[in-house]
Amino acid sequence: MDEETIIKFIYEINRVLKDSGHLFLWVDKFHLCEGVAKWIANTSLNLVDLIVWDKGKIGMGYRSRRKSEYLIVFQKSPVRAKGCWTDHAIPDVWNETTPKTHPHSKPIELQRRLIAATTKDGI
């Protein structure tokens, strides 16, 4: 996706996300280092956490070979944890292998835990 599309996508998420709701944004090392501040400029989104996924295998890279990916956790204002995040045992470095069914496969169990931690049944 080009940067303009990403920004439009994030603005729309910000528009429809309920107060104190979360956006989980997967980024590579380049975007982690380069920064994503312009992606969330003029939104109510606040960076609240970062999870590193150790994929357990070495990938590509121009200098160092990539073995991890990054999940930036944003929360729409007002920022709070109580009542908004129920699983406090999710580690900030996640080890999970995924089957190679898609070039950008993500850790299923981590996604399940994050969704369960930030949602309530029946709502």
PDB file of N, CA and C in Angstrom:
ATOM      1  N   MET A   1       0.842  -1.186   0.000  1.00  0.00           N
ATOM      2  CA  MET A   1       0.000   0.000   0.000  1.00  0.00           C
ATOM      3  C   MET A   1       0.881   1.241   0.000  1.00  0.00           C
ATOM      4  N   ASP A   2       0.475   2.244  -0.728  1.00  0.00           N
ATOM      5  CA  ASP A   2       1.230   3.488  -0.667  1.00  0.00           C
ATOM      6  C   ASP A   2       0.832   4.255   0.594  1.00  0.00           C
ATOM      7  N   GLU A   3       1.669   5.223   0.945  1.00  0.00           N
ATOM      8  CA  GLU A   3       1.475   5.941   2.204  1.00  0.00           C
ATOM      9  C   GLU A   3       0.149   6.713   2.254  1.00  0.00           C
ATOM     10  N   GLU A   4      -0.265   7.286   1.156  1.00  0.00           N
ATOM     11  CA  GLU A   4      -1.538   8.015   1.117  1.00  0.00           C
ATOM     12  C   GLU A   4      -2.715   7.094   1.446  1.00  0.00           C
ATOM     13  N   THR A   5      -2.686   5.881   0.932  1.00  0.00           N
ATOM     14  CA  THR A   5      -3.743   4.909   1.210  1.00  0.00           C
ATOM     15  C   THR A   5      -3.730   4.506   2.681  1.00  0.00           C
ATOM     16  N   ILE A   6      -2.549   4.295   3.231  1.00  0.00           N
ATOM     17  CA  ILE A   6      -2.428   3.935   4.654  1.00  0.00           C
ATOM     18  C   ILE A   6      -3.015   5.043   5.520  1.00  0.00           C
ATOM     19  N   ILE A   7      -2.676   6.281   5.220  1.00  0.00           N
ATOM     20  CA  ILE A   7      -3.176   7.414   6.010  1.00  0.00           C
ATOM     21  C   ILE A   7      -4.699   7.499   5.918  1.00  0.00           C
ATOM     22  N   LYS A   8      -5.264   7.353   4.747  1.00  0.00           N
ATOM     23  CA  LYS A   8      -6.731   7.377   4.587  1.00  0.00           C
ATOM     24  C   LYS A   8      -7.371   6.244   5.379  1.00  0.00           C
ATOM     25  N   PHE A   9      -6.769   5.073   5.319  1.00  0.00           N
ATOM     26  CA  PHE A   9      -7.264   3.903   6.046  1.00  0.00           C
ATOM     27  C   PHE A   9      -7.271   4.180   7.550  1.00  0.00           C
ATOM     28  N   ILE A  10      -6.172   4.731   8.079  1.00  0.00           N
ATOM     29  CA  ILE A  10      -6.076   5.012   9.517  1.00  0.00           C
ATOM     30  C   ILE A  10      -7.037   6.116   9.929  1.00  0.00           C
ATOM     31  N   TYR A  11      -7.209   7.145   9.119  1.00  0.00           N
ATOM     32  CA  TYR A  11      -8.187   8.201   9.430  1.00  0.00           C
ATOM     33  C   TYR A  11      -9.593   7.631   9.532  1.00  0.00           C
ATOM     34  N   GLU A  12      -9.929   6.724   8.627  1.00  0.00           N
ATOM     35  CA  GLU A  12     -11.263   6.124   8.657  1.00  0.00           C
ATOM     36  C   GLU A  12     -11.429   5.233   9.896  1.00  0.00           C
ATOM     37  N   ILE A  13     -10.388   4.491  10.258  1.00  0.00           N
ATOM     38  CA  ILE A  13     -10.444   3.694  11.493  1.00  0.00           C
ATOM     39  C   ILE A  13     -10.663   4.613  12.680  1.00  0.00           C
ATOM     40  N   ASN A  14      -9.923   5.707  12.741  1.00  0.00           N
ATOM     41  CA  ASN A  14     -10.073   6.659  13.834  1.00  0.00           C
ATOM     42  C   ASN A  14     -11.510   7.196  13.900  1.00  0.00           C
ATOM     43  N   ARG A  15     -12.108   7.435  12.743  1.00  0.00           N
ATOM     44  CA  ARG A  15     -13.465   7.977  12.697  1.00  0.00           C
ATOM     45  C   ARG A  15     -14.486   7.012  13.300  1.00  0.00           C
ATOM     46  N   VAL A  16     -14.350   5.713  13.011  1.00  0.00           N
ATOM     47  CA  VAL A  16     -15.371   4.749  13.441  1.00  0.00           C
ATOM     48  C   VAL A  16     -15.019   4.019  14.732  1.00  0.00           C
ATOM     49  N   LEU A  17     -13.790   4.100  15.184  1.00  0.00           N
ATOM     50  CA  LEU A  17     -13.373   3.385  16.394  1.00  0.00           C
ATOM     51  C   LEU A  17     -14.009   4.022  17.619  1.00  0.00           C
ATOM     52  N   LYS A  18     -14.554   3.185  18.501  1.00  0.00           N
ATOM     53  CA  LYS A  18     -15.168   3.722  19.714  1.00  0.00           C
ATOM     54  C   LYS A  18     -14.093   4.306  20.624  1.00  0.00           C
ATOM     55  N   ASP A  19     -14.491   5.192  21.524  1.00  0.00           N
ATOM     56  CA  ASP A  19     -13.564   5.773  22.482  1.00  0.00           C
ATOM     57  C   ASP A  19     -12.848   4.665  23.250  1.00  0.00           C
ATOM     58  N   SER A  20     -11.569   4.829  23.460  1.00  0.00           N
ATOM     59  CA  SER A  20     -10.683   3.872  24.146  1.00  0.00           C
ATOM     60  C   SER A  20     -10.519   2.564  23.381  1.00  0.00           C
ATOM     61  N   GLY A  21     -10.988   2.503  22.123  1.00  0.00           N
ATOM     62  CA  GLY A  21     -10.785   1.321  21.292  1.00  0.00           C
ATOM     63  C   GLY A  21      -9.351   1.239  20.793  1.00  0.00           C
ATOM     64  N   HIS A  22      -8.966   0.061  20.317  1.00  0.00           N
ATOM     65  CA  HIS A  22      -7.582  -0.189  19.915  1.00  0.00           C
ATOM     66  C   HIS A  22      -7.442  -0.432  18.419  1.00  0.00           C
ATOM     67  N   LEU A  23      -6.313   0.018  17.887  1.00  0.00           N
ATOM     68  CA  LEU A  23      -5.883  -0.286  16.526  1.00  0.00           C
ATOM     69  C   LEU A  23      -4.562  -1.043  16.645  1.00  0.00           C
ATOM     70  N   PHE A  24      -4.494  -2.246  16.063  1.00  0.00           N
ATOM     71  CA  PHE A  24      -3.278  -3.055  16.036  1.00  0.00           C
ATOM     72  C   PHE A  24      -2.678  -2.926  14.641  1.00  0.00           C
ATOM     73  N   LEU A  25      -1.511  -2.316  14.550  1.00  0.00           N
ATOM     74  CA  LEU A  25      -0.910  -2.009  13.266  1.00  0.00           C
ATOM     75  C   LEU A  25       0.420  -2.740  13.107  1.00  0.00           C
ATOM     76  N   TRP A  26       0.465  -3.693  12.164  1.00  0.00           N
ATOM     77  CA  TRP A  26       1.703  -4.422  11.873  1.00  0.00           C
ATOM     78  C   TRP A  26       2.612  -3.547  11.020  1.00  0.00           C
ATOM     79  N   VAL A  27       3.864  -3.417  11.428  1.00  0.00           N
ATOM     80  CA  VAL A  27       4.838  -2.660  10.650  1.00  0.00           C
ATOM     81  C   VAL A  27       6.144  -3.445  10.564  1.00  0.00           C
ATOM     82  N   ASP A  28       6.907  -3.152   9.538  1.00  0.00           N
ATOM     83  CA  ASP A  28       8.226  -3.760   9.410  1.00  0.00           C
ATOM     84  C   ASP A  28       9.262  -2.869  10.097  1.00  0.00           C
ATOM     85  N   LYS A  29      10.500  -3.324  10.108  1.00  0.00           N
ATOM     86  CA  LYS A  29      11.569  -2.597  10.794  1.00  0.00           C
ATOM     87  C   LYS A  29      11.775  -1.209  10.189  1.00  0.00           C
ATOM     88  N   PHE A  30      11.667  -1.089   8.876  1.00  0.00           N
ATOM     89  CA  PHE A  30      11.844   0.206   8.226  1.00  0.00           C
ATOM     90  C   PHE A  30      10.847   1.229   8.771  1.00  0.00           C
ATOM     91  N   HIS A  31       9.558   0.861   8.820  1.00  0.00           N
ATOM     92  CA  HIS A  31       8.547   1.801   9.298  1.00  0.00           C
ATOM     93  C   HIS A  31       8.642   2.021  10.801  1.00  0.00           C
ATOM     94  N   LEU A  32       9.095   1.030  11.536  1.00  0.00           N
ATOM     95  CA  LEU A  32       9.296   1.220  12.964  1.00  0.00           C
ATOM     96  C   LEU A  32      10.375   2.279  13.204  1.00  0.00           C
ATOM     97  N   CYS A  33      11.465   2.191  12.463  1.00  0.00           N
ATOM     98  CA  CYS A  33      12.567   3.150  12.613  1.00  0.00           C
ATOM     99  C   CYS A  33      12.241   4.508  11.994  1.00  0.00           C
ATOM    100  N   GLU A  34      11.620   4.490  10.850  1.00  0.00           N
ATOM    101  CA  GLU A  34      11.279   5.720  10.130  1.00  0.00           C
ATOM    102  C   GLU A  34      10.185   6.499  10.865  1.00  0.00           C
ATOM    103  N   GLY A  35       9.322   5.771  11.547  1.00  0.00           N
ATOM    104  CA  GLY A  35       8.242   6.394  12.302  1.00  0.00           C
ATOM    105  C   GLY A  35       6.925   6.388  11.542  1.00  0.00           C
ATOM    106  N   VAL A  36       5.857   6.395  12.281  1.00  0.00           N
ATOM    107  CA  VAL A  36       4.514   6.395  11.707  1.00  0.00           C
ATOM    108  C   VAL A  36       3.717   7.604  12.196  1.00  0.00           C
ATOM    109  N   ALA A  37       4.397   8.595  12.753  1.00  0.00           N
ATOM    110  CA  ALA A  37       3.709   9.755  13.331  1.00  0.00           C
ATOM    111  C   ALA A  37       2.813  10.455  12.320  1.00  0.00           C
ATOM    112  N   LYS A  38       3.272  10.580  11.071  1.00  0.00           N
ATOM    113  CA  LYS A  38       2.426  11.273  10.091  1.00  0.00           C
ATOM    114  C   LYS A  38       1.201  10.447   9.731  1.00  0.00           C
ATOM    115  N   TRP A  39       1.239   9.138   9.959  1.00  0.00           N
ATOM    116  CA  TRP A  39       0.076   8.292   9.695  1.00  0.00           C
ATOM    117  C   TRP A  39      -1.057   8.587  10.678  1.00  0.00           C
ATOM    118  N   ILE A  40      -0.699   8.952  11.914  1.00  0.00           N
ATOM    119  CA  ILE A  40      -1.732   9.173  12.938  1.00  0.00           C
ATOM    120  C   ILE A  40      -1.928  10.650  13.267  1.00  0.00           C
ATOM    121  N   ALA A  41      -1.228  11.535  12.539  1.00  0.00           N
ATOM    122  CA  ALA A  41      -1.413  12.970  12.762  1.00  0.00           C
ATOM    123  C   ALA A  41      -2.886  13.322  12.547  1.00  0.00           C
ATOM    124  N   ASN A  42      -3.386  14.232  13.345  1.00  0.00           N
ATOM    125  CA  ASN A  42      -4.779  14.701  13.251  1.00  0.00           C
ATOM    126  C   ASN A  42      -5.796  13.604  13.539  1.00  0.00           C
ATOM    127  N   THR A  43      -5.419  12.620  14.350  1.00  0.00           N
ATOM    128  CA  THR A  43      -6.357  11.602  14.822  1.00  0.00           C
ATOM    129  C   THR A  43      -6.372  11.636  16.343  1.00  0.00           C
ATOM    130  N   SER A  44      -7.227  10.831  16.940  1.00  0.00           N
ATOM    131  CA  SER A  44      -7.283  10.691  18.395  1.00  0.00           C
ATOM    132  C   SER A  44      -6.521   9.461  18.854  1.00  0.00           C
ATOM    133  N   LEU A  45      -5.649   8.927  17.989  1.00  0.00           N
ATOM    134  CA  LEU A  45      -4.916   7.696  18.301  1.00  0.00           C
ATOM    135  C   LEU A  45      -3.616   8.005  19.034  1.00  0.00           C
ATOM    136  N   ASN A  46      -3.352   7.200  20.071  1.00  0.00           N
ATOM    137  CA  ASN A  46      -2.158   7.349  20.895  1.00  0.00           C
ATOM    138  C   ASN A  46      -1.412   6.032  20.941  1.00  0.00           C
ATOM    139  N   LEU A  47      -0.099   6.074  20.772  1.00  0.00           N
ATOM    140  CA  LEU A  47       0.700   4.865  20.870  1.00  0.00           C
ATOM    141  C   LEU A  47       0.733   4.417  22.328  1.00  0.00           C
ATOM    142  N   VAL A  48       0.315   3.174  22.599  1.00  0.00           N
ATOM    143  CA  VAL A  48       0.277   2.692  23.977  1.00  0.00           C
ATOM    144  C   VAL A  48       1.118   1.447  24.218  1.00  0.00           C
ATOM    145  N   ASP A  49       1.529   0.735  23.162  1.00  0.00           N
ATOM    146  CA  ASP A  49       2.324  -0.470  23.376  1.00  0.00           C
ATOM    147  C   ASP A  49       2.974  -0.916  22.070  1.00  0.00           C
ATOM    148  N   LEU A  50       3.927  -1.828  22.217  1.00  0.00           N
ATOM    149  CA  LEU A  50       4.627  -2.409  21.079  1.00  0.00           C
ATOM    150  C   LEU A  50       4.881  -3.876  21.394  1.00  0.00           C
ATOM    151  N   ILE A  51       4.537  -4.744  20.460  1.00  0.00           N
ATOM    152  CA  ILE A  51       4.807  -6.172  20.602  1.00  0.00           C
ATOM    153  C   ILE A  51       5.707  -6.591  19.454  1.00  0.00           C
ATOM    154  N   VAL A  52       6.744  -7.337  19.775  1.00  0.00           N
ATOM    155  CA  VAL A  52       7.675  -7.855  18.775  1.00  0.00           C
ATOM    156  C   VAL A  52       7.336  -9.320  18.552  1.00  0.00           C
ATOM    157  N   TRP A  53       7.201  -9.710  17.308  1.00  0.00           N
ATOM    158  CA  TRP A  53       6.940 -11.095  16.969  1.00  0.00           C
ATOM    159  C   TRP A  53       8.225 -11.711  16.451  1.00  0.00           C
ATOM    160  N   ASP A  54       8.782 -12.641  17.227  1.00  0.00           N
ATOM    161  CA  ASP A  54       9.943 -13.410  16.790  1.00  0.00           C
ATOM    162  C   ASP A  54       9.422 -14.554  15.939  1.00  0.00           C
ATOM    163  N   LYS A  55       9.601 -14.442  14.636  1.00  0.00           N
ATOM    164  CA  LYS A  55       9.046 -15.416  13.701  1.00  0.00           C
ATOM    165  C   LYS A  55       9.778 -16.749  13.734  1.00  0.00           C
ATOM    166  N   GLY A  56      10.948 -16.782  14.356  1.00  0.00           N
ATOM    167  CA  GLY A  56      11.677 -18.039  14.474  1.00  0.00           C
ATOM    168  C   GLY A  56      12.435 -18.440  13.224  1.00  0.00           C
ATOM    169  N   LYS A  57      12.386 -17.610  12.201  1.00  0.00           N
ATOM    170  CA  LYS A  57      13.135 -17.918  10.983  1.00  0.00           C
ATOM    171  C   LYS A  57      13.668 -16.615  10.400  1.00  0.00           C
ATOM    172  N   ILE A  58      14.765 -16.722   9.722  1.00  0.00           N
ATOM    173  CA  ILE A  58      15.420 -15.550   9.148  1.00  0.00           C
ATOM    174  C   ILE A  58      14.802 -15.225   7.798  1.00  0.00           C
ATOM    175  N   GLY A  59      14.525 -13.956   7.579  1.00  0.00           N
ATOM    176  CA  GLY A  59      13.956 -13.511   6.319  1.00  0.00           C
ATOM    177  C   GLY A  59      14.962 -12.694   5.520  1.00  0.00           C
ATOM    178  N   MET A  60      14.438 -11.813   4.717  1.00  0.00           N
ATOM    179  CA  MET A  60      15.264 -10.979   3.855  1.00  0.00           C
ATOM    180  C   MET A  60      15.703  -9.726   4.604  1.00  0.00           C
ATOM    181  N   GLY A  61      16.620  -8.994   3.993  1.00  0.00           N
ATOM    182  CA  GLY A  61      17.080  -7.728   4.548  1.00  0.00           C
ATOM    183  C   GLY A  61      18.264  -7.212   3.757  1.00  0.00           C
ATOM    184  N   TYR A  62      18.369  -5.898   3.630  1.00  0.00           N
ATOM    185  CA  TYR A  62      19.481  -5.304   2.890  1.00  0.00           C
ATOM    186  C   TYR A  62      20.769  -5.319   3.704  1.00  0.00           C
ATOM    187  N   ARG A  63      20.671  -5.168   4.998  1.00  0.00           N
ATOM    188  CA  ARG A  63      21.837  -5.179   5.877  1.00  0.00           C
ATOM    189  C   ARG A  63      21.721  -6.358   6.830  1.00  0.00           C
ATOM    190  N   SER A  64      20.902  -6.217   7.857  1.00  0.00           N
ATOM    191  CA  SER A  64      20.662  -7.355   8.753  1.00  0.00           C
ATOM    192  C   SER A  64      19.472  -8.145   8.228  1.00  0.00           C
ATOM    193  N   ARG A  65      19.462  -9.427   8.510  1.00  0.00           N
ATOM    194  CA  ARG A  65      18.369 -10.303   8.056  1.00  0.00           C
ATOM    195  C   ARG A  65      17.240 -10.240   9.071  1.00  0.00           C
ATOM    196  N   ARG A  66      16.039 -10.053   8.625  1.00  0.00           N
ATOM    197  CA  ARG A  66      14.884  -9.858   9.502  1.00  0.00           C
ATOM    198  C   ARG A  66      14.373 -11.192  10.057  1.00  0.00           C
ATOM    199  N   LYS A  67      14.216 -11.197  11.376  1.00  0.00           N
ATOM    200  CA  LYS A  67      13.674 -12.366  12.059  1.00  0.00           C
ATOM    201  C   LYS A  67      12.416 -12.003  12.849  1.00  0.00           C
ATOM    202  N   SER A  68      12.067 -10.728  12.819  1.00  0.00           N
ATOM    203  CA  SER A  68      10.933 -10.286  13.619  1.00  0.00           C
ATOM    204  C   SER A  68      10.080  -9.280  12.860  1.00  0.00           C
ATOM    205  N   GLU A  69       8.866  -9.097  13.366  1.00  0.00           N
ATOM    206  CA  GLU A  69       7.959  -8.064  12.905  1.00  0.00           C
ATOM    207  C   GLU A  69       7.431  -7.343  14.140  1.00  0.00           C
ATOM    208  N   TYR A  70       6.772  -6.233  13.925  1.00  0.00           N
ATOM    209  CA  TYR A  70       6.381  -5.368  15.024  1.00  0.00           C
ATOM    210  C   TYR A  70       4.900  -5.035  14.939  1.00  0.00           C
ATOM    211  N   LEU A  71       4.269  -5.056  16.080  1.00  0.00           N
ATOM    212  CA  LEU A  71       2.861  -4.702  16.174  1.00  0.00           C
ATOM    213  C   LEU A  71       2.773  -3.470  17.077  1.00  0.00           C
ATOM    214  N   ILE A  72       2.406  -2.344  16.478  1.00  0.00           N
ATOM    215  CA  ILE A  72       2.227  -1.124  17.261  1.00  0.00           C
ATOM    216  C   ILE A  72       0.772  -1.090  17.707  1.00  0.00           C
ATOM    217  N   VAL A  73       0.575  -0.841  18.991  1.00  0.00           N
ATOM    218  CA  VAL A  73      -0.772  -0.791  19.555  1.00  0.00           C
ATOM    219  C   VAL A  73      -1.119   0.673  19.822  1.00  0.00           C
ATOM    220  N   PHE A  74      -2.167   1.135  19.141  1.00  0.00           N
ATOM    221  CA  PHE A  74      -2.683   2.477  19.360  1.00  0.00           C
ATOM    222  C   PHE A  74      -4.014   2.378  20.086  1.00  0.00           C
ATOM    223  N   GLN A  75      -4.320   3.391  20.887  1.00  0.00           N
ATOM    224  CA  GLN A  75      -5.622   3.461  21.539  1.00  0.00           C
ATOM    225  C   GLN A  75      -6.217   4.841  21.290  1.00  0.00           C
ATOM    226  N   LYS A  76      -7.494   4.836  20.933  1.00  0.00           N
ATOM    227  CA  LYS A  76      -8.190   6.104  20.739  1.00  0.00           C
ATOM    228  C   LYS A  76      -8.441   6.737  22.103  1.00  0.00           C
ATOM    229  N   SER A  77      -8.325   8.049  22.173  1.00  0.00           N
ATOM    230  CA  SER A  77      -8.576   8.756  23.432  1.00  0.00           C
ATOM    231  C   SER A  77     -10.003   8.499  23.906  1.00  0.00           C
ATOM    232  N   PRO A  78     -10.222   8.439  25.207  1.00  0.00           N
ATOM    233  CA  PRO A  78      -9.250   8.581  26.278  1.00  0.00           C
ATOM    234  C   PRO A  78      -8.442   7.293  26.489  1.00  0.00           C
ATOM    235  N   VAL A  79      -7.158   7.465  26.748  1.00  0.00           N
ATOM    236  CA  VAL A  79      -6.271   6.328  26.965  1.00  0.00           C
ATOM    237  C   VAL A  79      -6.482   5.796  28.368  1.00  0.00           C
ATOM    238  N   ARG A  80      -6.786   4.512  28.430  1.00  0.00           N
ATOM    239  CA  ARG A  80      -6.930   3.834  29.719  1.00  0.00           C
ATOM    240  C   ARG A  80      -6.781   2.340  29.499  1.00  0.00           C
ATOM    241  N   ALA A  81      -6.360   1.637  30.533  1.00  0.00           N
ATOM    242  CA  ALA A  81      -6.218   0.183  30.450  1.00  0.00           C
ATOM    243  C   ALA A  81      -7.360  -0.515  31.191  1.00  0.00           C
ATOM    244  N   LYS A  82      -7.729   0.019  32.345  1.00  0.00           N
ATOM    245  CA  LYS A  82      -8.769  -0.607  33.152  1.00  0.00           C
ATOM    246  C   LYS A  82     -10.086  -0.652  32.388  1.00  0.00           C
ATOM    247  N   GLY A  83     -10.638  -1.847  32.262  1.00  0.00           N
ATOM    248  CA  GLY A  83     -11.895  -2.040  31.566  1.00  0.00           C
ATOM    249  C   GLY A  83     -11.763  -2.102  30.053  1.00  0.00           C
ATOM    250  N   CYS A  84     -10.557  -1.852  29.535  1.00  0.00           N
ATOM    251  CA  CYS A  84     -10.341  -1.865  28.085  1.00  0.00           C
ATOM    252  C   CYS A  84      -9.396  -2.971  27.650  1.00  0.00           C
ATOM    253  N   TRP A  85      -8.633  -3.515  28.589  1.00  0.00           N
ATOM    254  CA  TRP A  85      -7.624  -4.541  28.269  1.00  0.00           C
ATOM    255  C   TRP A  85      -7.648  -5.546  29.398  1.00  0.00           C
ATOM    256  N   THR A  86      -8.094  -6.767  29.125  1.00  0.00           N
ATOM    257  CA  THR A  86      -8.321  -7.725  30.203  1.00  0.00           C
ATOM    258  C   THR A  86      -7.239  -8.783  30.370  1.00  0.00           C
ATOM    259  N   ASP A  87      -6.396  -8.993  29.374  1.00  0.00           N
ATOM    260  CA  ASP A  87      -5.349 -10.021  29.462  1.00  0.00           C
ATOM    261  C   ASP A  87      -4.001  -9.341  29.670  1.00  0.00           C
ATOM    262  N   HIS A  88      -3.516  -9.369  30.908  1.00  0.00           N
ATOM    263  CA  HIS A  88      -2.266  -8.694  31.240  1.00  0.00           C
ATOM    264  C   HIS A  88      -1.075  -9.650  31.230  1.00  0.00           C
ATOM    265  N   ALA A  89      -1.246 -10.818  30.612  1.00  0.00           N
ATOM    266  CA  ALA A  89      -0.168 -11.811  30.542  1.00  0.00           C
ATOM    267  C   ALA A  89       0.391 -11.962  29.125  1.00  0.00           C
ATOM    268  N   ILE A  90       0.027 -11.080  28.220  1.00  0.00           N
ATOM    269  CA  ILE A  90       0.561 -11.135  26.852  1.00  0.00           C
ATOM    270  C   ILE A  90       1.976 -10.582  26.889  1.00  0.00           C
ATOM    271  N   PRO A  91       2.979 -11.384  26.502  1.00  0.00           N
ATOM    272  CA  PRO A  91       4.357 -10.881  26.540  1.00  0.00           C
ATOM    273  C   PRO A  91       4.621  -9.896  25.402  1.00  0.00           C
ATOM    274  N   ASP A  92       5.597  -9.004  25.603  1.00  0.00           N
ATOM    275  CA  ASP A  92       5.902  -8.031  24.555  1.00  0.00           C
ATOM    276  C   ASP A  92       6.836  -8.589  23.482  1.00  0.00           C
ATOM    277  N   VAL A  93       7.361  -9.773  23.698  1.00  0.00           N
ATOM    278  CA  VAL A  93       8.065 -10.524  22.656  1.00  0.00           C
ATOM    279  C   VAL A  93       7.320 -11.835  22.490  1.00  0.00           C
ATOM    280  N   TRP A  94       6.768 -12.059  21.321  1.00  0.00           N
ATOM    281  CA  TRP A  94       5.898 -13.196  21.064  1.00  0.00           C
ATOM    282  C   TRP A  94       6.608 -14.191  20.159  1.00  0.00           C
ATOM    283  N   ASN A  95       6.649 -15.453  20.579  1.00  0.00           N
ATOM    284  CA  ASN A  95       7.227 -16.520  19.770  1.00  0.00           C
ATOM    285  C   ASN A  95       6.109 -17.430  19.293  1.00  0.00           C
ATOM    286  N   GLU A  96       5.899 -17.447  18.004  1.00  0.00           N
ATOM    287  CA  GLU A  96       4.880 -18.329  17.441  1.00  0.00           C
ATOM    288  C   GLU A  96       5.235 -18.594  15.983  1.00  0.00           C
ATOM    289  N   THR A  97       5.305 -19.841  15.628  1.00  0.00           N
ATOM    290  CA  THR A  97       5.530 -20.162  14.223  1.00  0.00           C
ATOM    291  C   THR A  97       4.183 -20.220  13.515  1.00  0.00           C
ATOM    292  N   THR A  98       4.185 -19.834  12.263  1.00  0.00           N
ATOM    293  CA  THR A  98       2.955 -19.861  11.476  1.00  0.00           C
ATOM    294  C   THR A  98       3.189 -20.682  10.224  1.00  0.00           C
ATOM    295  N   PRO A  99       2.179 -21.382   9.779  1.00  0.00           N
ATOM    296  CA  PRO A  99       2.331 -22.115   8.519  1.00  0.00           C
ATOM    297  C   PRO A  99       2.483 -21.121   7.366  1.00  0.00           C
ATOM    298  N   LYS A 100       3.268 -21.470   6.401  1.00  0.00           N
ATOM    299  CA  LYS A 100       3.537 -20.587   5.260  1.00  0.00           C
ATOM    300  C   LYS A 100       2.405 -20.703   4.235  1.00  0.00           C
ATOM    301  N   THR A 101       1.210 -20.259   4.620  1.00  0.00           N
ATOM    302  CA  THR A 101       0.062 -20.294   3.721  1.00  0.00           C
ATOM    303  C   THR A 101      -0.108 -18.983   2.960  1.00  0.00           C
ATOM    304  N   HIS A 102       0.582 -17.937   3.424  1.00  0.00           N
ATOM    305  CA  HIS A 102       0.491 -16.622   2.810  1.00  0.00           C
ATOM    306  C   HIS A 102       1.819 -15.913   3.053  1.00  0.00           C
ATOM    307  N   PRO A 103       2.296 -15.086   2.145  1.00  0.00           N
ATOM    308  CA  PRO A 103       3.581 -14.410   2.336  1.00  0.00           C
ATOM    309  C   PRO A 103       3.631 -13.521   3.581  1.00  0.00           C
ATOM    310  N   HIS A 104       2.466 -13.048   4.028  1.00  0.00           N
ATOM    311  CA  HIS A 104       2.439 -12.151   5.186  1.00  0.00           C
ATOM    312  C   HIS A 104       1.632 -12.748   6.341  1.00  0.00           C
ATOM    313  N   SER A 105       1.738 -14.044   6.536  1.00  0.00           N
ATOM    314  CA  SER A 105       1.026 -14.702   7.637  1.00  0.00           C
ATOM    315  C   SER A 105       1.439 -14.080   8.966  1.00  0.00           C
ATOM    316  N   LYS A 106       0.480 -13.959   9.862  1.00  0.00           N
ATOM    317  CA  LYS A 106       0.715 -13.388  11.194  1.00  0.00           C
ATOM    318  C   LYS A 106       0.363 -14.431  12.246  1.00  0.00           C
ATOM    319  N   PRO A 107       0.857 -14.247  13.475  1.00  0.00           N
ATOM    320  CA  PRO A 107       0.617 -15.233  14.534  1.00  0.00           C
ATOM    321  C   PRO A 107      -0.848 -15.274  14.978  1.00  0.00           C
ATOM    322  N   ILE A 108      -1.493 -16.391  14.715  1.00  0.00           N
ATOM    323  CA  ILE A 108      -2.919 -16.560  14.998  1.00  0.00           C
ATOM    324  C   ILE A 108      -3.224 -16.469  16.497  1.00  0.00           C
ATOM    325  N   GLU A 109      -2.437 -17.130  17.317  1.00  0.00           N
ATOM    326  CA  GLU A 109      -2.702 -17.126  18.764  1.00  0.00           C
ATOM    327  C   GLU A 109      -2.539 -15.726  19.350  1.00  0.00           C
ATOM    328  N   LEU A 110      -1.551 -14.980  18.898  1.00  0.00           N
ATOM    329  CA  LEU A 110      -1.387 -13.599  19.369  1.00  0.00           C
ATOM    330  C   LEU A 110      -2.615 -12.777  18.975  1.00  0.00           C
ATOM    331  N   GLN A 111      -3.065 -12.912  17.751  1.00  0.00           N
ATOM    332  CA  GLN A 111      -4.250 -12.171  17.323  1.00  0.00           C
ATOM    333  C   GLN A 111      -5.472 -12.554  18.155  1.00  0.00           C
ATOM    334  N   ARG A 112      -5.623 -13.851  18.438  1.00  0.00           N
ATOM    335  CA  ARG A 112      -6.749 -14.304  19.261  1.00  0.00           C
ATOM    336  C   ARG A 112      -6.687 -13.671  20.643  1.00  0.00           C
ATOM    337  N   ARG A 113      -5.505 -13.672  21.252  1.00  0.00           N
ATOM    338  CA  ARG A 113      -5.338 -13.114  22.604  1.00  0.00           C
ATOM    339  C   ARG A 113      -5.624 -11.610  22.616  1.00  0.00           C
ATOM    340  N   LEU A 114      -5.146 -10.893  21.597  1.00  0.00           N
ATOM    341  CA  LEU A 114      -5.369  -9.448  21.536  1.00  0.00           C
ATOM    342  C   LEU A 114      -6.851  -9.119  21.370  1.00  0.00           C
ATOM    343  N   ILE A 115      -7.525  -9.851  20.514  1.00  0.00           N
ATOM    344  CA  ILE A 115      -8.966  -9.616  20.314  1.00  0.00           C
ATOM    345  C   ILE A 115      -9.733  -9.924  21.596  1.00  0.00           C
ATOM    346  N   ALA A 116      -9.398 -11.038  22.231  1.00  0.00           N
ATOM    347  CA  ALA A 116     -10.067 -11.398  23.491  1.00  0.00           C
ATOM    348  C   ALA A 116      -9.770 -10.391  24.587  1.00  0.00           C
ATOM    349  N   ALA A 117      -8.570  -9.813  24.599  1.00  0.00           N
ATOM    350  CA  ALA A 117      -8.180  -8.857  25.634  1.00  0.00           C
ATOM    351  C   ALA A 117      -8.882  -7.518  25.504  1.00  0.00           C
ATOM    352  N   THR A 118      -9.359  -7.205  24.299  1.00  0.00           N
ATOM    353  CA  THR A 118      -9.893  -5.867  24.061  1.00  0.00           C
ATOM    354  C   THR A 118     -11.360  -5.836  23.641  1.00  0.00           C
ATOM    355  N   THR A 119     -12.024  -6.979  23.705  1.00  0.00           N
ATOM    356  CA  THR A 119     -13.446  -7.022  23.364  1.00  0.00           C
ATOM    357  C   THR A 119     -14.229  -7.741  24.455  1.00  0.00           C
ATOM    358  N   LYS A 120     -15.526  -7.569  24.429  1.00  0.00           N
ATOM    359  CA  LYS A 120     -16.398  -8.254  25.375  1.00  0.00           C
ATOM    360  C   LYS A 120     -17.412  -9.060  24.592  1.00  0.00           C
ATOM    361  N   ASP A 121     -17.728 -10.248  25.081  1.00  0.00           N
ATOM    362  CA  ASP A 121     -18.733 -11.074  24.427  1.00  0.00           C
ATOM    363  C   ASP A 121     -20.083 -10.365  24.387  1.00  0.00           C
ATOM    364  N   GLY A 122     -20.753 -10.501  23.256  1.00  0.00           N
ATOM    365  CA  GLY A 122     -22.094  -9.969  23.123  1.00  0.00           C
ATOM    366  C   GLY A 122     -22.204  -8.493  22.857  1.00  0.00           C
ATOM    367  N   ILE A 123     -21.084  -7.814  22.696  1.00  0.00           N
ATOM    368  CA  ILE A 123     -21.141  -6.345  22.457  1.00  0.00           C
ATOM    369  C   ILE A 123     -20.685  -6.055  21.048  1.00  0.00           C
TER     370      ILE A 123
END
